[in-house]
């Protein structure tokens, strides 16, 4: 009985994960999971997942199957005529099931769905090591790896199924078949380190809606890159006419009223990489988000820093232009000739939330 319950539980988990995979594009384009993110897990709301259950009729009722009935007579509660305007009912409504999955599982789903290649770290950083991860539970194993909580729960299930459990005098005695053990799988773990630097224009033309798009896309970028590297550092730079490094909270919640000089952000990014992240020891990813506005006389200086000092250091430099009713959208045209000559410079126009999915695929699809 216990084995059958365990098989059913595993099958149910696979059904849930299948539903998540089917709706992954919806989850990618909405930021609802960010608020449910823990240290290692994400809670995902999975709607319309029907769990089999019995439904009982009202005791003593009459009708079809219970005696004489008439044509058109309802055979169950809630099946009669009505306009929905009656008194409150006693039946449950539709439920949303929240399922916890690991960030690694989420990254694997993203990679499968978008057909993302595994990243090959550059230089000496491509060395990998084998690492054992305790990822499953087995019925056999050494006593040193016995999972006491799972063993106890299994014994409790067995005694309940056998009818030997007394809730008034609870006594759980595991037998040999109840024992459960941690089991490991060996997987290659890249030894390489990586740093992600996010740049964002926080001038008045970047609204909260645009920042929400940036935050959602950054969540999925983080999730994928963390799956590829042993350690990930993240840094945040904001700018209007001047730039500075800030923490994550400030990055997403700052809005300035000044002009825009993209070169100021490039300068802060260059100095940060030179100071803390030597190119021979780190895989470097820069993601810039802007509405395309820049002070016209600043373009030449910005392009000079990008071409001569940032692109040679970066695995990828990704520019995402978030459409805004206030931004000119001109800067991406300045970058297009440079992108044609540098395969590590990628450009994406993100018109709205629905474009996040394709933007992620574009940015991460090169396997760099």
Protein backbone atom coordinates (compact mmCIF):
# COMPACT_ATOMS: atom_id res chain seq x y z
CA UNK A 1 0.00 0.00 0.00
CA UNK A 2 2.78 2.40 0.97
CA UNK A 3 4.65 1.68 -2.27
CA UNK A 4 1.52 2.43 -4.29
CA UNK A 5 1.04 5.74 -2.44
CA UNK A 6 4.64 6.69 -3.18
CA UNK A 7 4.23 5.84 -6.86
CA UNK A 8 1.04 7.89 -7.03
CA UNK A 9 2.77 10.82 -5.34
CA UNK A 10 5.66 10.71 -7.80
CA UNK A 11 3.25 10.48 -10.73
CA UNK A 12 1.30 13.47 -9.44
CA UNK A 13 4.53 15.50 -9.16
CA UNK A 14 5.35 14.64 -12.77
CA UNK A 15 1.87 15.75 -13.86
CA UNK A 16 2.38 19.05 -12.05
CA UNK A 17 5.77 19.60 -13.65
CA UNK A 18 4.30 18.79 -17.03
CA UNK A 19 1.65 21.46 -16.48
CA UNK A 20 4.37 23.96 -15.54
CA UNK A 21 6.32 23.15 -18.71
CA UNK A 22 3.19 23.61 -20.83
CA UNK A 23 2.58 27.05 -19.34
CA UNK A 24 6.19 28.16 -18.96
CA UNK A 25 5.84 30.97 -21.48
CA UNK A 26 3.07 32.46 -19.35
CA UNK A 27 5.23 32.27 -16.25
CA UNK A 28 8.18 33.82 -18.08
CA UNK A 29 6.18 36.84 -19.22
CA UNK A 30 4.62 37.51 -15.81
CA UNK A 31 6.47 38.51 -12.68
CA UNK A 32 4.24 36.66 -10.23
CA UNK A 33 6.92 34.09 -9.30
CA UNK A 34 9.46 36.69 -8.18
CA UNK A 35 7.42 37.39 -5.04
CA UNK A 36 7.31 33.67 -4.27
CA UNK A 37 11.06 33.09 -4.58
CA UNK A 38 12.89 31.65 -1.59
CA UNK A 39 16.55 30.84 -1.20
CA UNK A 40 16.44 27.65 -3.25
CA UNK A 41 12.76 27.20 -4.17
CA UNK A 42 10.10 29.00 -6.17
CA UNK A 43 6.37 28.59 -5.51
CA UNK A 44 4.45 28.40 -8.76
CA UNK A 45 0.65 28.78 -8.89
CA UNK A 46 -0.74 25.96 -11.04
CA UNK A 47 -4.43 26.59 -11.82
CA UNK A 48 -7.06 24.15 -13.07
CA UNK A 49 -5.35 21.00 -11.87
CA UNK A 50 -8.14 18.57 -11.00
CA UNK A 51 -7.40 16.17 -8.19
CA UNK A 52 -9.65 13.06 -8.25
CA UNK A 53 -12.16 13.00 -5.39
CA UNK A 54 -15.56 11.59 -4.48
CA UNK A 55 -18.63 13.81 -4.51
CA UNK A 56 -21.50 12.72 -2.31
CA UNK A 57 -25.14 13.59 -2.84
CA UNK A 58 -27.52 14.78 -0.13
CA UNK A 59 -28.73 12.05 2.15
CA UNK A 60 -32.36 11.08 1.65
CA UNK A 61 -32.79 12.90 -1.65
CA UNK A 62 -35.04 11.53 -4.36
CA UNK A 63 -34.72 11.57 -8.12
CA UNK A 64 -32.84 9.66 -10.81
CA UNK A 65 -31.29 6.53 -9.30
CA UNK A 66 -33.14 7.05 -5.99
CA UNK A 67 -36.76 6.36 -6.91
CA UNK A 68 -39.29 8.11 -9.04
CA UNK A 69 -38.12 11.18 -10.91
CA UNK A 70 -39.35 13.55 -13.60
CA UNK A 71 -37.83 14.74 -16.86
CA UNK A 72 -35.69 17.81 -16.28
CA UNK A 73 -35.30 17.26 -12.55
CA UNK A 74 -31.76 18.24 -11.39
CA UNK A 75 -29.71 15.24 -10.25
CA UNK A 76 -27.19 17.16 -8.16
CA UNK A 77 -26.73 20.39 -6.23
CA UNK A 78 -26.12 23.47 -8.33
CA UNK A 79 -27.62 21.98 -11.50
CA UNK A 80 -30.98 23.69 -11.40
CA UNK A 81 -31.95 26.90 -13.18
CA UNK A 82 -30.82 30.23 -11.86
CA UNK A 83 -29.03 33.45 -12.75
CA UNK A 84 -26.31 33.23 -10.13
CA UNK A 85 -27.86 35.95 -8.04
CA UNK A 86 -29.06 33.76 -5.18
CA UNK A 87 -27.68 33.41 -1.67
CA UNK A 88 -24.11 32.33 -0.96
CA UNK A 89 -23.52 28.64 -1.64
CA UNK A 90 -21.72 26.02 0.40
CA UNK A 91 -19.66 24.47 -2.44
CA UNK A 92 -15.95 25.19 -2.89
CA UNK A 93 -14.83 27.34 -5.79
CA UNK A 94 -11.91 26.89 -8.15
CA UNK A 95 -8.59 26.43 -6.39
CA UNK A 96 -5.06 27.31 -7.36
CA UNK A 97 -2.43 24.83 -6.27
CA UNK A 98 0.99 26.26 -5.38
CA UNK A 99 3.85 23.90 -6.12
CA UNK A 100 7.42 24.37 -4.90
CA UNK A 101 10.17 23.53 -7.37
CA UNK A 102 13.88 24.19 -7.15
CA UNK A 103 15.59 26.93 -9.11
CA UNK A 104 17.71 24.25 -10.81
CA UNK A 105 14.56 22.48 -12.03
CA UNK A 106 13.19 25.79 -13.24
CA UNK A 107 16.42 26.53 -15.12
CA UNK A 108 16.30 23.09 -16.78
CA UNK A 109 12.71 23.69 -17.88
CA UNK A 110 13.69 27.08 -19.30
CA UNK A 111 16.62 25.54 -21.17
CA UNK A 112 14.44 22.77 -22.62
CA UNK A 113 11.63 25.13 -23.61
CA UNK A 114 13.88 27.72 -25.26
CA UNK A 115 16.35 25.10 -26.56
CA UNK A 116 19.20 26.94 -24.85
CA UNK A 117 22.68 25.45 -25.31
CA UNK A 118 24.83 24.77 -22.28
CA UNK A 119 27.29 27.60 -21.72
CA UNK A 120 30.94 26.87 -22.39
CA UNK A 121 32.99 29.12 -20.07
CA UNK A 122 35.94 30.73 -21.75
CA UNK A 123 39.63 30.06 -21.10
CA UNK A 124 40.88 28.08 -18.10
CA UNK A 125 37.54 28.60 -16.39
CA UNK A 126 36.01 25.76 -18.42
CA UNK A 127 37.42 23.10 -16.04
CA UNK A 128 34.72 21.10 -14.27
CA UNK A 129 34.63 18.91 -11.19
CA UNK A 130 32.36 16.03 -10.26
CA UNK A 131 30.13 16.74 -7.29
CA UNK A 132 27.67 14.47 -5.48
CA UNK A 133 24.28 15.98 -4.75
CA UNK A 134 21.71 14.32 -2.51
CA UNK A 135 18.70 14.64 -4.78
CA UNK A 136 16.47 11.63 -4.11
CA UNK A 137 15.26 9.09 -1.56
CA UNK A 138 15.76 5.34 -1.94
CA UNK A 139 14.53 2.25 -0.07
CA UNK A 140 18.04 0.88 0.44
CA UNK A 141 21.34 2.38 1.53
CA UNK A 142 23.88 2.62 4.36
CA UNK A 143 22.55 3.40 7.82
CA UNK A 144 24.66 6.55 7.93
CA UNK A 145 22.41 7.99 5.21
CA UNK A 146 19.10 6.97 6.73
CA UNK A 147 16.54 9.78 6.47
CA UNK A 148 14.89 9.64 9.87
CA UNK A 149 11.96 11.94 9.08
CA UNK A 150 11.05 10.06 5.88
CA UNK A 151 11.42 6.75 7.72
CA UNK A 152 9.10 7.93 10.49
CA UNK A 153 6.50 9.21 8.03
CA UNK A 154 6.62 5.96 6.08
CA UNK A 155 6.08 3.95 9.27
CA UNK A 156 3.14 6.18 10.21
CA UNK A 157 1.55 5.69 6.78
CA UNK A 158 1.95 1.93 7.02
CA UNK A 159 0.39 1.73 10.49
CA UNK A 160 -2.55 3.89 9.41
CA UNK A 161 -3.08 1.71 6.33
CA UNK A 162 -2.92 -1.45 8.48
CA UNK A 163 -5.28 0.01 11.09
CA UNK A 164 -2.73 -0.46 13.90
CA UNK A 165 -2.20 3.22 14.66
CA UNK A 166 -3.88 4.48 17.84
CA UNK A 167 -4.10 8.29 17.88
CA UNK A 168 -4.85 8.23 21.61
CA UNK A 169 -1.68 6.28 22.36
CA UNK A 170 0.53 7.12 19.39
CA UNK A 171 3.53 4.84 19.04
CA UNK A 172 5.41 4.64 15.76
CA UNK A 173 7.72 1.66 15.34
CA UNK A 174 9.50 1.54 11.96
CA UNK A 175 10.24 -1.85 10.47
CA UNK A 176 12.90 -2.64 7.91
CA UNK A 177 10.62 -1.91 4.92
CA UNK A 178 9.93 1.57 6.29
CA UNK A 179 13.54 2.69 6.14
CA UNK A 180 14.32 5.45 3.66
CA UNK A 181 17.81 6.61 2.67
CA UNK A 182 19.29 9.66 1.02
CA UNK A 183 20.69 8.96 -2.41
CA UNK A 184 23.06 11.02 -4.49
CA UNK A 185 23.75 11.63 -8.15
CA UNK A 186 27.09 12.75 -9.51
CA UNK A 187 26.96 15.69 -11.88
CA UNK A 188 29.58 17.95 -13.44
CA UNK A 189 29.84 21.34 -11.74
CA UNK A 190 31.72 24.11 -13.56
CA UNK A 191 34.52 25.52 -11.43
CA UNK A 192 34.26 28.82 -13.24
CA UNK A 193 33.04 32.01 -11.66
CA UNK A 194 30.80 34.50 -13.40
CA UNK A 195 29.67 38.05 -12.78
CA UNK A 196 26.46 39.62 -14.09
CA UNK A 197 26.40 43.40 -14.29
CA UNK A 198 23.02 45.02 -14.85
CA UNK A 199 22.88 48.56 -16.22
CA UNK A 200 19.64 50.53 -16.30
CA UNK A 201 18.55 54.01 -17.28
CA UNK A 202 16.52 55.47 -14.40
CA UNK A 203 15.76 58.84 -15.99
CA UNK A 204 12.18 60.10 -16.01
CA UNK A 205 11.33 58.38 -19.30
CA UNK A 206 11.72 54.91 -17.72
CA UNK A 207 8.41 54.18 -15.94
CA UNK A 208 7.56 51.54 -13.34
CA UNK A 209 6.11 49.36 -16.10
CA UNK A 210 9.44 49.28 -17.92
CA UNK A 211 11.29 48.50 -14.69
CA UNK A 212 8.90 45.63 -14.04
CA UNK A 213 9.81 44.16 -17.42
CA UNK A 214 13.52 44.50 -16.59
CA UNK A 215 13.06 42.80 -13.23
CA UNK A 216 11.18 39.85 -14.73
CA UNK A 217 13.77 39.32 -17.47
CA UNK A 218 16.64 39.62 -14.97
CA UNK A 219 15.05 36.91 -12.79
CA UNK A 220 15.14 34.39 -15.65
CA UNK A 221 18.64 35.43 -16.72
CA UNK A 222 19.84 34.87 -13.15
CA UNK A 223 18.08 31.51 -12.96
CA UNK A 224 19.75 30.21 -16.13
CA UNK A 225 23.27 31.51 -15.44
CA UNK A 226 23.24 30.22 -11.85
CA UNK A 227 22.64 26.76 -13.30
CA UNK A 228 25.76 27.09 -15.48
CA UNK A 229 28.33 28.34 -12.97
CA UNK A 230 29.55 27.42 -9.51
CA UNK A 231 29.45 31.00 -8.22
CA UNK A 232 27.63 34.04 -9.53
CA UNK A 233 28.23 37.65 -8.52
CA UNK A 234 25.63 40.26 -9.40
CA UNK A 235 26.23 43.99 -9.55
CA UNK A 236 23.85 46.84 -10.36
CA UNK A 237 24.52 50.22 -11.98
CA UNK A 238 21.94 52.94 -12.51
CA UNK A 239 22.32 56.15 -14.48
CA UNK A 240 20.67 59.23 -15.81
CA UNK A 241 23.23 61.90 -16.71
CA UNK A 242 25.51 60.40 -14.02
CA UNK A 243 25.97 56.77 -12.96
CA UNK A 244 26.67 54.87 -9.75
CA UNK A 245 26.73 51.33 -8.42
CA UNK A 246 23.79 50.47 -6.12
CA UNK A 247 22.17 47.48 -4.42
CA UNK A 248 19.36 45.44 -5.98
CA UNK A 249 16.54 47.18 -4.11
CA UNK A 250 17.75 50.64 -5.16
CA UNK A 251 18.25 49.44 -8.73
CA UNK A 252 14.57 48.62 -9.24
CA UNK A 253 13.04 51.48 -7.23
CA UNK A 254 15.01 54.59 -8.18
CA UNK A 255 13.71 57.20 -10.59
CA UNK A 256 15.53 60.40 -11.49
CA UNK A 257 14.45 63.45 -13.42
CA UNK A 258 17.71 64.34 -15.14
CA UNK A 259 18.96 63.76 -18.66
CA UNK A 260 20.67 60.66 -20.03
CA UNK A 261 24.37 59.94 -20.61
CA UNK A 262 24.93 56.25 -21.31
CA UNK A 263 28.71 56.74 -21.31
CA UNK A 264 28.57 57.41 -17.57
CA UNK A 265 27.20 53.89 -16.96
CA UNK A 266 29.81 52.37 -19.27
CA UNK A 267 32.57 54.15 -17.35
CA UNK A 268 31.36 52.85 -13.97
CA UNK A 269 31.02 49.35 -15.42
CA UNK A 270 34.53 49.47 -16.92
CA UNK A 271 36.07 50.64 -13.63
CA UNK A 272 34.20 47.95 -11.69
CA UNK A 273 35.44 45.16 -14.00
CA UNK A 274 39.02 46.45 -13.93
CA UNK A 275 38.99 46.70 -10.14
CA UNK A 276 37.25 43.49 -9.07
CA UNK A 277 36.81 41.06 -11.96
CA UNK A 278 39.98 40.21 -13.93
CA UNK A 279 39.05 38.93 -17.35
CA UNK A 280 41.32 35.88 -17.02
CA UNK A 281 39.49 34.71 -13.87
CA UNK A 282 35.87 35.65 -14.52
CA UNK A 283 33.20 35.06 -17.14
CA UNK A 284 31.60 38.47 -17.56
CA UNK A 285 28.01 39.20 -18.60
CA UNK A 286 26.63 42.71 -18.96
CA UNK A 287 22.92 43.35 -19.50
CA UNK A 288 21.92 46.92 -20.28
CA UNK A 289 18.30 48.09 -20.28
CA UNK A 290 17.21 51.45 -21.63
CA UNK A 291 14.37 53.11 -23.49
CA UNK A 292 16.84 54.21 -26.18
CA UNK A 293 17.27 57.80 -25.07
CA UNK A 294 20.77 59.30 -24.96
CA UNK A 295 22.18 62.79 -25.22
CA UNK A 296 23.24 62.98 -28.86
CA UNK A 297 26.75 64.31 -28.20
CA UNK A 298 27.39 61.43 -25.79
CA UNK A 299 26.99 58.64 -28.38
CA UNK A 300 30.57 58.82 -29.64
CA UNK A 301 32.07 58.55 -26.16
CA UNK A 302 29.70 55.70 -25.18
CA UNK A 303 30.51 53.72 -28.33
CA UNK A 304 34.24 54.20 -27.79
CA UNK A 305 34.12 52.73 -24.28
CA UNK A 306 31.87 49.88 -25.41
CA UNK A 307 34.02 48.84 -28.37
CA UNK A 308 37.46 49.30 -26.85
CA UNK A 309 37.03 48.45 -23.18
CA UNK A 310 33.84 46.48 -22.51
CA UNK A 311 33.27 44.12 -25.44
CA UNK A 312 36.84 42.68 -25.27
CA UNK A 313 36.20 41.73 -21.64
CA UNK A 314 32.68 40.30 -21.94
CA UNK A 315 31.39 36.84 -22.77
CA UNK A 316 28.20 38.68 -23.68
CA UNK A 317 27.07 42.28 -23.71
CA UNK A 318 23.28 42.35 -24.14
CA UNK A 319 21.35 45.53 -24.81
CA UNK A 320 17.60 45.37 -24.20
CA UNK A 321 15.60 48.36 -25.39
CA UNK A 322 12.39 48.56 -23.37
CA UNK A 323 9.76 50.44 -25.33
CA UNK A 324 8.52 53.57 -23.56
CA UNK A 325 6.03 56.24 -24.67
CA UNK A 326 8.61 58.84 -23.59
CA UNK A 327 11.85 57.39 -24.99
CA UNK A 328 13.19 58.11 -28.47
CA UNK A 329 14.41 54.55 -29.13
CA UNK A 330 17.35 55.83 -31.18
CA UNK A 331 20.30 54.28 -29.33
CA UNK A 332 19.76 50.76 -30.64
CA UNK A 333 20.30 52.06 -34.18
CA UNK A 334 23.69 53.40 -33.09
CA UNK A 335 24.60 49.93 -31.82
CA UNK A 336 23.47 47.95 -34.87
CA UNK A 337 26.64 48.44 -36.97
CA UNK A 338 28.79 47.42 -33.99
CA UNK A 339 26.71 44.30 -33.36
CA UNK A 340 27.29 43.22 -36.96
CA UNK A 341 31.05 43.17 -36.28
CA UNK A 342 30.95 41.70 -32.75
CA UNK A 343 29.12 38.43 -32.10
CA UNK A 344 29.15 38.99 -28.34
CA UNK A 345 26.99 42.13 -28.65
CA UNK A 346 23.30 41.20 -28.81
CA UNK A 347 20.41 43.62 -29.28
CA UNK A 348 16.78 43.11 -28.37
CA UNK A 349 13.68 45.30 -28.60
CA UNK A 350 11.29 44.52 -25.72
CA UNK A 351 7.98 46.07 -26.66
CA UNK A 352 6.01 44.72 -23.69
CA UNK A 353 5.86 41.78 -21.28
CA UNK A 354 4.98 39.34 -24.06
CA UNK A 355 8.38 40.07 -25.69
CA UNK A 356 10.39 38.95 -22.62
CA UNK A 357 10.29 35.31 -23.74
CA UNK A 358 11.90 35.96 -27.13
CA UNK A 359 14.37 38.42 -25.64
CA UNK A 360 15.68 35.80 -23.20
CA UNK A 361 16.02 33.29 -26.02
CA UNK A 362 17.99 35.81 -28.06
CA UNK A 363 20.31 36.77 -25.21
CA UNK A 364 21.02 33.26 -23.91
CA UNK A 365 20.74 31.26 -27.12
CA UNK A 366 24.41 31.58 -28.15
CA UNK A 367 25.81 29.47 -25.33
CA UNK A 368 28.55 31.98 -24.54
